[in-house]
Amino acid sequence: MLALLRTIRPRQWVKNVFVAAPVVFSRHLEDHAYLAREALAVLAFCLLSGAVYLFNDVNDVAADRLHPTKKHRPIAAGELS
């Protein structure tokens, strides 16, 4: 489970918070309906980006195994099949 979590790279999700910028600039911070939709959008974007990381790691596993730093990623290292 930890290997899967490392593979979807949650530390990279910080930039996904920019998806929430429209609710800030539209001045709807006190509107719970807007906040709920923004939270759902941020969550969906984070899960989608995690899926893209997984897809990329599976497709590039052979090259990643030869790379000096990427070889430590869970799929390339054989921790996650």
Protein backbone atom coordinates (compact mmCIF):
# COMPACT_ATOMS: atom_id res chain seq x y z
CA MET A 1 0.00 0.00 0.00
CA LEU A 2 2.86 2.38 0.81
CA ALA A 3 4.43 1.64 -2.58
CA LEU A 4 1.18 2.56 -4.32
CA LEU A 5 0.96 5.79 -2.36
CA ARG A 6 4.55 6.68 -3.31
CA THR A 7 3.79 5.89 -6.96
CA ILE A 8 0.86 8.30 -7.20
CA ARG A 9 3.15 11.02 -5.78
CA PRO A 10 0.92 13.01 -3.41
CA ARG A 11 3.72 15.51 -2.73
CA GLN A 12 3.30 16.65 -6.35
CA TRP A 13 -0.38 17.42 -5.73
CA VAL A 14 0.36 20.79 -4.12
CA LYS A 15 0.20 22.41 -7.53
CA ASN A 16 -3.29 20.94 -8.02
CA VAL A 17 -4.60 23.42 -5.45
CA PHE A 18 -4.54 25.96 -8.28
CA VAL A 19 -7.71 24.26 -9.49
CA ALA A 20 -9.38 25.95 -6.51
CA ALA A 21 -8.25 29.43 -7.54
CA PRO A 22 -11.52 30.32 -9.32
CA VAL A 23 -13.55 30.04 -6.12
CA VAL A 24 -11.15 32.42 -4.41
CA PHE A 25 -11.23 35.01 -7.17
CA SER A 26 -14.98 34.74 -7.70
CA ARG A 27 -15.52 35.69 -4.04
CA HIS A 28 -17.61 32.61 -3.26
CA LEU A 29 -15.52 31.48 -0.28
CA GLU A 30 -18.55 31.57 2.01
CA ASP A 31 -20.83 29.66 -0.36
CA HIS A 32 -20.82 26.02 0.73
CA ALA A 33 -22.10 24.77 -2.63
CA TYR A 34 -19.17 26.36 -4.45
CA LEU A 35 -16.69 25.09 -1.87
CA ALA A 36 -18.04 21.54 -2.12
CA ARG A 37 -17.70 21.56 -5.91
CA GLU A 38 -14.19 23.00 -5.69
CA ALA A 39 -13.16 20.37 -3.14
CA LEU A 40 -14.53 17.66 -5.42
CA ALA A 41 -12.71 19.18 -8.40
CA VAL A 42 -9.39 19.30 -6.50
CA LEU A 43 -9.84 15.70 -5.33
CA ALA A 44 -10.68 14.54 -8.87
CA PHE A 45 -7.70 16.39 -10.30
CA CYS A 46 -5.38 14.85 -7.69
CA LEU A 47 -6.66 11.34 -8.41
CA LEU A 48 -6.36 11.92 -12.15
CA SER A 49 -2.79 13.15 -11.87
CA GLY A 50 -1.97 10.13 -9.69
CA ALA A 51 -3.40 7.85 -12.36
CA VAL A 52 -1.26 9.56 -14.99
CA TYR A 53 1.85 8.99 -12.83
CA LEU A 54 0.92 5.30 -12.55
CA PHE A 55 0.30 4.98 -16.29
CA ASN A 56 3.60 6.70 -17.09
CA ASP A 57 5.59 4.55 -14.67
CA VAL A 58 4.12 1.35 -16.13
CA ASN A 59 4.86 2.45 -19.70
CA ASP A 60 8.41 3.62 -18.92
CA VAL A 61 9.42 0.82 -16.55
CA ALA A 62 12.29 -0.45 -18.74
CA ALA A 63 13.85 2.98 -19.15
CA ASP A 64 13.23 3.89 -15.51
CA ARG A 65 15.16 0.81 -14.35
CA LEU A 66 18.25 2.18 -16.12
CA HIS A 67 17.86 5.75 -14.81
CA PRO A 68 19.98 6.67 -11.76
CA THR A 69 17.11 8.14 -9.72
CA LYS A 70 13.97 6.78 -11.37
CA LYS A 71 15.15 3.21 -10.69
CA HIS A 72 14.10 3.74 -7.07
CA ARG A 73 10.44 4.30 -7.97
CA PRO A 74 8.24 1.44 -6.71
CA ILE A 75 7.32 -0.01 -10.13
CA ALA A 76 10.86 0.20 -11.52
CA ALA A 77 12.29 -1.25 -8.29
CA GLY A 78 9.85 -4.17 -8.37
CA GLU A 79 8.07 -3.16 -5.15
CA LEU A 80 4.80 -2.77 -7.06
CA SER A 81 3.82 -5.04 -9.91
